[in-house]
C-alpha atoms as a PDB file:
ATOM      1  CA  MET A   1      13.761  33.944   2.023  1.00  0.00           C
ATOM      2  CA  ILE A   2      16.921  33.545   3.395  1.00  0.00           C
ATOM      3  CA  ALA A   3      15.461  31.507   6.712  1.00  0.00           C
ATOM      4  CA  GLN A   4      13.549  29.128   4.338  1.00  0.00           C
ATOM      5  CA  GLU A   5      16.673  28.220   2.965  1.00  0.00           C
ATOM      6  CA  THR A   6      18.206  27.388   6.156  1.00  0.00           C
ATOM      7  CA  LYS A   7      15.997  24.558   6.755  1.00  0.00           C
ATOM      8  CA  PHE A   8      17.253  22.731   3.344  1.00  0.00           C
ATOM      9  CA  LEU A   9      21.561  22.882   4.773  1.00  0.00           C
ATOM     10  CA  LYS A  10      20.611  19.926   5.727  1.00  0.00           C
ATOM     11  CA  ALA A  11      20.042  17.936   2.932  1.00  0.00           C
ATOM     12  CA  GLN A  12      22.456  20.404   1.141  1.00  0.00           C
ATOM     13  CA  GLY A  13      25.161  18.503   3.307  1.00  0.00           C
ATOM     14  CA  VAL A  14      24.065  15.196   1.410  1.00  0.00           C
ATOM     15  CA  PHE A  15      24.288  15.951  -1.567  1.00  0.00           C
ATOM     16  CA  GLN A  16      27.710  17.164  -0.271  1.00  0.00           C
ATOM     17  CA  ARG A  17      28.649  14.196   1.282  1.00  0.00           C
ATOM     18  CA  ILE A  18      27.323  12.808  -2.544  1.00  0.00           C
ATOM     19  CA  ALA A  19      30.323  14.857  -4.311  1.00  0.00           C
ATOM     20  CA  ARG A  20      32.632  13.233  -1.624  1.00  0.00           C
ATOM     21  CA  SER A  21      31.663   9.616  -2.495  1.00  0.00           C
ATOM     22  CA  LEU A  22      32.058   9.978  -6.306  1.00  0.00           C
ATOM     23  CA  GLY A  23      35.092  10.995  -6.121  1.00  0.00           C
ATOM     24  CA  GLU A  24      36.404   8.202  -3.557  1.00  0.00           C
ATOM     25  CA  ALA A  25      34.700   5.557  -6.043  1.00  0.00           C
ATOM     26  CA  LEU A  26      36.985   6.268  -8.899  1.00  0.00           C
ATOM     27  CA  GLY A  27      39.803   6.423  -7.017  1.00  0.00           C
ATOM     28  CA  LYS A  28      38.851   3.239  -5.940  1.00  0.00           C
ATOM     29  CA  GLY A  29      37.751   1.739  -9.114  1.00  0.00           C
ATOM     30  CA  LEU A  30      34.857   0.503  -8.030  1.00  0.00           C
ATOM     31  CA  ARG A  31      31.949  -0.608 -10.328  1.00  0.00           C
ATOM     32  CA  LEU A  32      29.117   1.668 -12.103  1.00  0.00           C
ATOM     33  CA  ASP A  33      26.408  -0.679 -10.463  1.00  0.00           C
ATOM     34  CA  GLU A  34      28.506  -0.048  -7.126  1.00  0.00           C
ATOM     35  CA  VAL A  35      28.376   3.228  -7.425  1.00  0.00           C
ATOM     36  CA  GLU A  36      24.358   2.984  -8.452  1.00  0.00           C
ATOM     37  CA  ARG A  37      23.542   1.073  -5.754  1.00  0.00           C
ATOM     38  CA  GLU A  38      25.805   3.662  -3.390  1.00  0.00           C
ATOM     39  CA  LEU A  39      23.806   6.523  -5.010  1.00  0.00           C
ATOM     40  CA  LYS A  40      20.369   5.055  -4.372  1.00  0.00           C
ATOM     41  CA  GLU A  41      20.839   5.300  -0.769  1.00  0.00           C
ATOM     42  CA  GLU A  42      22.236   8.808  -0.593  1.00  0.00           C
ATOM     43  CA  LEU A  43      19.558  10.368  -3.230  1.00  0.00           C
ATOM     44  CA  GLN A  44      16.843   8.550  -0.557  1.00  0.00           C
ATOM     45  CA  ALA A  45      18.325  10.371   2.431  1.00  0.00           C
ATOM     46  CA  ALA A  46      18.441  14.017   0.530  1.00  0.00           C
ATOM     47  CA  GLY A  47      15.034  12.858  -0.554  1.00  0.00           C
ATOM     48  CA  LEU A  48      14.002  12.472   3.174  1.00  0.00           C
ATOM     49  CA  ALA A  49      16.123  15.907   4.179  1.00  0.00           C
ATOM     50  CA  PHE A  50      14.490  17.923   1.906  1.00  0.00           C
ATOM     51  CA  LEU A  51      10.625  16.645   2.678  1.00  0.00           C
ATOM     52  CA  GLU A  52      11.715  17.220   6.943  1.00  0.00           C
ATOM     53  CA  GLY A  53      13.265  20.679   5.837  1.00  0.00           C
ATOM     54  CA  PHE A  54       9.928  21.666   3.911  1.00  0.00           C
ATOM     55  CA  VAL A  55       7.941  20.678   6.929  1.00  0.00           C
ATOM     56  CA  GLU A  56      10.283  22.478   9.289  1.00  0.00           C
ATOM     57  CA  ALA A  57       9.479  25.626   6.713  1.00  0.00           C
ATOM     58  CA  SER A  58       5.871  25.652   6.708  1.00  0.00           C
ATOM     59  CA  GLY A  59       5.388  26.446  10.391  1.00  0.00           C
ATOM     60  CA  ASP A  60       4.053  24.387  13.599  1.00  0.00           C
ATOM     61  CA  GLY A  61       0.315  25.122  12.709  1.00  0.00           C
ATOM     62  CA  ASP A  62      -0.087  27.696  15.555  1.00  0.00           C
ATOM     63  CA  GLN A  63      -3.189  29.934  15.031  1.00  0.00           C
ATOM     64  CA  GLY A  64      -3.752  31.720  18.849  1.00  0.00           C
ATOM     65  CA  ALA A  65      -4.349  30.351  21.967  1.00  0.00           C
ATOM     66  CA  ALA A  66      -8.416  29.669  20.531  1.00  0.00           C
ATOM     67  CA  VAL A  67      -9.474  29.821  17.304  1.00  0.00           C
ATOM     68  CA  SER A  68     -13.365  29.133  16.511  1.00  0.00           C
ATOM     69  CA  ARG A  69     -15.013  26.026  14.130  1.00  0.00           C
ATOM     70  CA  GLY A  70     -18.392  26.627  13.411  1.00  0.00           C
ATOM     71  CA  GLY A  71     -19.681  28.584  15.978  1.00  0.00           C
ATOM     72  CA  THR A  72     -17.443  26.132  18.136  1.00  0.00           C
ATOM     73  CA  VAL A  73     -14.194  27.660  20.173  1.00  0.00           C
ATOM     74  CA  LEU A  74     -11.400  25.550  19.990  1.00  0.00           C
ATOM     75  CA  MET A  75      -8.806  25.821  22.734  1.00  0.00           C
ATOM     76  CA  ARG A  76      -4.433  25.424  21.412  1.00  0.00           C
ATOM     77  CA  SER A  77      -2.706  22.108  22.281  1.00  0.00           C
ATOM     78  CA  GLU A  78      -0.431  23.043  25.365  1.00  0.00           C
ATOM     79  CA  GLY A  79       2.335  22.121  23.189  1.00  0.00           C
ATOM     80  CA  PRO A  80       3.494  21.242  19.989  1.00  0.00           C
ATOM     81  CA  GLN A  81       1.893  16.946  19.394  1.00  0.00           C
ATOM     82  CA  ARG A  82       3.929  14.682  16.759  1.00  0.00           C
ATOM     83  CA  ARG A  83       2.645  12.230  14.203  1.00  0.00           C
ATOM     84  CA  ARG A  84       3.677  10.143  12.122  1.00  0.00           C
ATOM     85  CA  TYR A  85       4.257  10.569   7.959  1.00  0.00           C
ATOM     86  CA  LEU A  86       5.822   7.657   6.241  1.00  0.00           C
ATOM     87  CA  SER A  87       6.862   9.143   3.075  1.00  0.00           C
ATOM     88  CA  ILE A  88       8.412   7.419  -0.180  1.00  0.00           C
ATOM     89  CA  PHE A  89      11.980   8.381   1.362  1.00  0.00           C
ATOM     90  CA  GLY A  90      11.159   7.217   5.050  1.00  0.00           C
ATOM     91  CA  GLU A  91       9.509   8.334   8.506  1.00  0.00           C
ATOM     92  CA  VAL A  92       9.133  12.053   8.726  1.00  0.00           C
ATOM     93  CA  SER A  93       7.751  13.504  12.303  1.00  0.00           C
ATOM     94  CA  ILE A  94       5.333  16.206  12.087  1.00  0.00           C
ATOM     95  CA  PRO A  95       5.584  18.374  14.978  1.00  0.00           C
ATOM     96  CA  ARG A  96       2.532  20.958  15.555  1.00  0.00           C
ATOM     97  CA  TYR A  97      -0.131  22.691  17.414  1.00  0.00           C
ATOM     98  CA  VAL A  98      -3.767  21.166  17.438  1.00  0.00           C
ATOM     99  CA  TYR A  99      -6.990  22.501  18.603  1.00  0.00           C
ATOM    100  CA  SER A 100      -9.675  20.694  20.622  1.00  0.00           C
ATOM    101  CA  SER A 101     -12.302  21.963  22.587  1.00  0.00           C
ATOM    102  CA  GLY A 102     -10.724  21.125  26.323  1.00  0.00           C
ATOM    103  CA  LYS A 103      -7.744  18.548  27.830  1.00  0.00           C
ATOM    104  CA  LYS A 104      -7.619  15.179  26.810  1.00  0.00           C
ATOM    105  CA  LYS A 105     -10.206  15.840  24.201  1.00  0.00           C
ATOM    106  CA  ALA A 106     -10.600  14.567  20.539  1.00  0.00           C
ATOM    107  CA  ILE A 107      -8.365  17.237  17.446  1.00  0.00           C
ATOM    108  CA  GLU A 108     -10.950  18.654  16.305  1.00  0.00           C
ATOM    109  CA  TYR A 109      -8.854  20.943  14.164  1.00  0.00           C
ATOM    110  CA  ALA A 110      -4.701  20.471  12.307  1.00  0.00           C
ATOM    111  CA  PRO A 111      -3.748  23.494  10.597  1.00  0.00           C
ATOM    112  CA  LEU A 112      -0.996  22.214   9.191  1.00  0.00           C
ATOM    113  CA  ASP A 113      -2.492  19.160   8.765  1.00  0.00           C
ATOM    114  CA  ALA A 114      -4.339  21.212   6.031  1.00  0.00           C
ATOM    115  CA  GLN A 115      -2.241  23.052   5.264  1.00  0.00           C
ATOM    116  CA  LEU A 116       0.365  20.418   4.171  1.00  0.00           C
ATOM    117  CA  GLY A 117      -2.040  18.432   2.635  1.00  0.00           C
ATOM    118  CA  LEU A 118      -2.051  15.723   4.994  1.00  0.00           C
ATOM    119  CA  PRO A 119      -3.870  11.958   4.692  1.00  0.00           C
ATOM    120  CA  SER A 120      -6.326  10.948   7.576  1.00  0.00           C
ATOM    121  CA  GLY A 121      -3.651   8.188   8.492  1.00  0.00           C
ATOM    122  CA  GLU A 122      -0.061   7.965   8.870  1.00  0.00           C
ATOM    123  CA  ILE A 123       1.095   6.440   4.512  1.00  0.00           C
ATOM    124  CA  SER A 124       1.667   9.376   2.182  1.00  0.00           C
ATOM    125  CA  TYR A 125      -0.425   8.940  -0.788  1.00  0.00           C
ATOM    126  CA  VAL A 126       3.003   8.638  -3.059  1.00  0.00           C
ATOM    127  CA  LEU A 127       3.922   5.148  -0.603  1.00  0.00           C
ATOM    128  CA  GLU A 128      -0.092   4.453  -0.972  1.00  0.00           C
ATOM    129  CA  ASP A 129      -0.018   4.309  -4.712  1.00  0.00           C
ATOM    130  CA  TYR A 130       3.375   2.518  -5.237  1.00  0.00           C
ATOM    131  CA  GLN A 131       2.191  -0.160  -2.922  1.00  0.00           C
ATOM    132  CA  GLN A 132      -1.368  -0.721  -4.310  1.00  0.00           C
ATOM    133  CA  ARG A 133       0.246  -1.010  -7.646  1.00  0.00           C
ATOM    134  CA  LEU A 134       2.391  -4.368  -6.689  1.00  0.00           C
ATOM    135  CA  CYS A 135      -0.966  -5.560  -4.547  1.00  0.00           C
ATOM    136  CA  VAL A 136      -3.200  -5.754  -7.237  1.00  0.00           C
ATOM    137  CA  GLN A 137      -0.461  -8.144  -9.043  1.00  0.00           C
ATOM    138  CA  THR A 138       1.106  -9.492  -6.644  1.00  0.00           C
ATOM    139  CA  PRO A 139       0.061 -11.481  -2.824  1.00  0.00           C
ATOM    140  CA  TYR A 140       0.473  -8.913   0.042  1.00  0.00           C
ATOM    141  CA  GLY A 141       3.419 -10.685   1.512  1.00  0.00           C
ATOM    142  CA  LYS A 142       5.343 -10.423  -1.530  1.00  0.00           C
ATOM    143  CA  SER A 143       3.829  -7.215  -2.927  1.00  0.00           C
ATOM    144  CA  THR A 144       5.325  -5.244   0.540  1.00  0.00           C
ATOM    145  CA  GLU A 145       8.694  -7.319   0.161  1.00  0.00           C
ATOM    146  CA  ASP A 146       8.836  -6.205  -3.635  1.00  0.00           C
ATOM    147  CA  LEU A 147       8.262  -2.222  -2.487  1.00  0.00           C
ATOM    148  CA  LYS A 148      10.720  -2.624   0.305  1.00  0.00           C
ATOM    149  CA  ALA A 149      12.971  -3.862  -1.198  1.00  0.00           C
ATOM    150  CA  ILE A 150      13.094  -1.309  -3.987  1.00  0.00           C
ATOM    151  CA  LEU A 151      12.260   1.720  -1.578  1.00  0.00           C
ATOM    152  CA  GLY A 152      14.529   0.869   1.297  1.00  0.00           C
ATOM    153  CA  THR A 153      11.039   1.492   2.821  1.00  0.00           C
ATOM    154  CA  GLY A 154       7.185   0.375   3.181  1.00  0.00           C
ATOM    155  CA  VAL A 155       4.581  -1.006   5.333  1.00  0.00           C
ATOM    156  CA  VAL A 156       3.386  -4.700   6.755  1.00  0.00           C
ATOM    157  CA  VAL A 157       1.020  -7.431   5.124  1.00  0.00           C
ATOM    158  CA  GLY A 158      -1.923  -5.835   7.878  1.00  0.00           C
ATOM    159  CA  THR A 159      -0.778  -1.738   6.750  1.00  0.00           C
ATOM    160  CA  ALA A 160      -1.740  -3.213   2.844  1.00  0.00           C
ATOM    161  CA  GLU A 161      -4.674  -4.808   2.947  1.00  0.00           C
ATOM    162  CA  HIS A 162      -6.545  -1.790   4.793  1.00  0.00           C
ATOM    163  CA  MET A 163      -5.368   0.550   2.566  1.00  0.00           C
ATOM    164  CA  THR A 164      -7.134  -1.659  -0.387  1.00  0.00           C
ATOM    165  CA  GLN A 165      -9.972  -1.925   2.248  1.00  0.00           C
ATOM    166  CA  GLU A 166      -9.817   1.653   2.232  1.00  0.00           C
ATOM    167  CA  MET A 167     -10.296   2.164  -0.977  1.00  0.00           C
ATOM    168  CA  GLY A 168     -12.336  -0.318  -2.349  1.00  0.00           C
ATOM    169  CA  GLU A 169     -15.302   1.843  -0.591  1.00  0.00           C
ATOM    170  CA  PHE A 170     -14.344   4.576  -3.095  1.00  0.00           C
ATOM    171  CA  ALA A 171     -14.956   1.400  -6.216  1.00  0.00           C
ATOM    172  CA  GLU A 172     -18.825   2.118  -6.636  1.00  0.00           C
ATOM    173  CA  ALA A 173     -18.882   5.943  -6.540  1.00  0.00           C
ATOM    174  CA  TYR A 174     -16.357   5.087  -9.671  1.00  0.00           C
ATOM    175  CA  ARG A 175     -18.107   2.742 -11.598  1.00  0.00           C
ATOM    176  CA  LEU A 176     -21.525   4.982 -10.995  1.00  0.00           C
ATOM    177  CA  SER A 177     -19.705   7.833 -12.224  1.00  0.00           C
ATOM    178  CA  ALA A 178     -17.849   6.396 -14.747  1.00  0.00           C
ATOM    179  CA  LEU A 179     -21.569   5.439 -16.325  1.00  0.00           C
ATOM    180  CA  THR A 180     -22.677   9.498 -15.757  1.00  0.00           C
ATOM    181  CA  ASP A 181     -19.565  10.117 -18.388  1.00  0.00           C
ATOM    182  CA  GLU A 182     -20.729   8.195 -20.816  1.00  0.00           C
ATOM    183  CA  GLY A 183     -24.264   7.895 -20.395  1.00  0.00           C
ATOM    184  CA  THR A 184     -26.358   5.416 -19.020  1.00  0.00           C
ATOM    185  CA  PRO A 185     -28.516   3.594 -21.643  1.00  0.00           C
ATOM    186  CA  PRO A 186     -32.261   3.514 -21.638  1.00  0.00           C
ATOM    187  CA  PRO A 187     -33.653   0.477 -20.341  1.00  0.00           C
ATOM    188  CA  GLU A 188     -34.996  -0.169 -23.403  1.00  0.00           C
ATOM    189  CA  ASN A 189     -31.689   0.212 -25.046  1.00  0.00           C
ATOM    190  CA  GLU A 190     -29.932  -2.767 -22.119  1.00  0.00           C
ATOM    191  CA  GLY A 191     -29.219  -6.301 -23.011  1.00  0.00           C
ATOM    192  CA  GLN A 192     -30.768  -9.184 -21.731  1.00  0.00           C
ATOM    193  CA  LEU A 193     -27.314 -11.134 -21.237  1.00  0.00           C
ATOM    194  CA  LEU A 194     -25.224 -10.824 -18.739  1.00  0.00           C
ATOM    195  CA  VAL A 195     -21.628 -12.906 -18.982  1.00  0.00           C
ATOM    196  CA  THR A 196     -19.011 -13.610 -16.145  1.00  0.00           C
ATOM    197  CA  VAL A 197     -16.028 -15.240 -15.796  1.00  0.00           C
ATOM    198  CA  GLY A 198     -14.575 -17.090 -13.902  1.00  0.00           C
ATOM    199  CA  ASP A 199     -10.867 -18.031 -13.020  1.00  0.00           C
ATOM    200  CA  GLY A 200     -10.310 -21.360 -11.506  1.00  0.00           C
ATOM    201  CA  LYS A 201      -6.732 -21.738 -12.329  1.00  0.00           C
ATOM    202  CA  GLY A 202      -4.508 -22.745  -9.415  1.00  0.00           C
ATOM    203  CA  VAL A 203      -7.403 -24.591  -8.148  1.00  0.00           C
ATOM    204  CA  VAL A 204      -7.003 -28.348  -8.010  1.00  0.00           C
ATOM    205  CA  MET A 205     -10.003 -30.372  -8.857  1.00  0.00           C
ATOM    206  CA  ARG A 206     -10.385 -33.855  -7.759  1.00  0.00           C
ATOM    207  CA  LYS A 207     -13.416 -36.449  -8.259  1.00  0.00           C
ATOM    208  CA  THR A 208     -14.749 -38.660  -5.098  1.00  0.00           C
ATOM    209  CA  LEU A 209     -13.770 -41.902  -4.886  1.00  0.00           C
ATOM    210  CA  ALA A 210     -17.892 -43.046  -5.656  1.00  0.00           C
ATOM    211  CA  GLN A 211     -17.572 -40.312  -8.869  1.00  0.00           C
ATOM    212  CA  ARG A 212     -14.773 -42.098 -10.008  1.00  0.00           C
ATOM    213  CA  MET A 213     -16.077 -45.723  -9.598  1.00  0.00           C
ATOM    214  CA  GLN A 214     -19.704 -44.783 -11.423  1.00  0.00           C
ATOM    215  CA  GLU A 215     -17.606 -43.862 -14.160  1.00  0.00           C
ATOM    216  CA  CYS A 216     -15.405 -47.046 -14.579  1.00  0.00           C
ATOM    217  CA  SER A 217     -17.426 -50.204 -16.928  1.00  0.00           C
ATOM    218  CA  PRO A 218     -19.529 -52.392 -14.560  1.00  0.00           C
ATOM    219  CA  ALA A 219     -16.164 -55.202 -14.782  1.00  0.00           C
ATOM    220  CA  HIS A 220     -14.707 -52.791 -12.918  1.00  0.00           C
ATOM    221  CA  ARG A 221     -17.162 -51.093 -10.491  1.00  0.00           C
ATOM    222  CA  THR A 222     -18.084 -54.714  -9.254  1.00  0.00           C
ATOM    223  CA  ALA A 223     -13.916 -56.012  -9.208  1.00  0.00           C
ATOM    224  CA  GLY A 224     -13.073 -53.326  -7.217  1.00  0.00           C
ATOM    225  CA  TYR A 225     -15.886 -53.588  -4.796  1.00  0.00           C
ATOM    226  CA  HIS A 226     -15.095 -57.444  -4.134  1.00  0.00           C
ATOM    227  CA  LEU A 227     -11.037 -56.251  -4.032  1.00  0.00           C
ATOM    228  CA  ARG A 228     -11.948 -53.628  -1.001  1.00  0.00           C
ATOM    229  CA  GLY A 229     -10.600 -55.317   1.428  1.00  0.00           C
ATOM    230  CA  SER A 230      -7.617 -57.971  -1.079  1.00  0.00           C
ATOM    231  CA  GLY A 231      -5.143 -55.283  -0.531  1.00  0.00           C
ATOM    232  CA  THR A 232      -4.753 -55.136  -4.668  1.00  0.00           C
ATOM    233  CA  ARG A 233      -4.548 -51.734  -5.826  1.00  0.00           C
ATOM    234  CA  LYS A 234      -7.781 -50.263  -6.880  1.00  0.00           C
ATOM    235  CA  ALA A 235      -5.465 -48.583  -9.852  1.00  0.00           C
ATOM    236  CA  ASP A 236      -4.759 -51.745 -11.118  1.00  0.00           C
ATOM    237  CA  TYR A 237      -8.887 -51.794 -12.191  1.00  0.00           C
ATOM    238  CA  GLY A 238      -9.361 -47.902 -12.974  1.00  0.00           C
ATOM    239  CA  LEU A 239     -10.606 -46.780  -9.949  1.00  0.00           C
ATOM    240  CA  ALA A 240      -7.734 -44.389  -9.223  1.00  0.00           C
ATOM    241  CA  VAL A 241      -8.301 -41.831 -11.250  1.00  0.00           C
ATOM    242  CA  SER A 242      -8.216 -38.715 -10.731  1.00  0.00           C
END
C-alpha cells in the first residue's frame, strides 16, 4: 500500500503548489475569475499526475518470458514499449511489455492494455465522448477548437472525423437492438406511409435565366430578346428575378 501511495507523490506536490498559489493570489488581490482560470490549469496538471501515478502503480504487464494464448506461444518484447494515451487532462505515455510470435511481428497480446481497458486507438473514451458531443452540434473545425479552449487539450479535425466514422459503424446494430427491445410490430400492423424530412436551410436556390424568362409576361419576354445586345439591363424588364 505504501509503495502505491508513493506513485502519487507528484500529484500531491501539485496540490501543495495550488495551496501556495492561492495564498499568493490573496496577497495580490487577484479577481476571482483570474484565480478560477489559474486553478483550472493547476487542477488539469493534478489530474494528469494522478493518471500517470495510476498507470505506474498498475505495473508493466510483464507475465514472464513467454505466454500461451489460444495454443500459440507468444514471446515477450525485449523491453517495455510505450503507448500514447490522450486523456482529458493531457497526454500519458504508458510503457509496458507486449507479446508477439516473434521479433518484428505484430503485437498479439498486451496484458497492461487489457488490465487498464485501453481503447484500440490513442484517444481516451472520455475525450472521445466530449468531442463527439460537440461534433454533432457544430462543424468539425469549430468543435475541435472549442474543446481545446475548454480542456486545454484535444484532437485534430481528421481525428474527430475518424471518430465519427468509427462510431457510425455501430449505428445499425444499435437501431436494430432498440427495435428488438421495444418489440418489432407484425407485418400486418405496419403502416404504408414512409415520411421523410429534408432540411435545405442555407442552400441558395436560384432559377436559371430560361426559367425566369418563362415566368415573365409574353411582352416582357419579347422585349428581353430584342434588348439582349442593346446594353439595357434586363432587370428593367423583370428578367433579373432571383
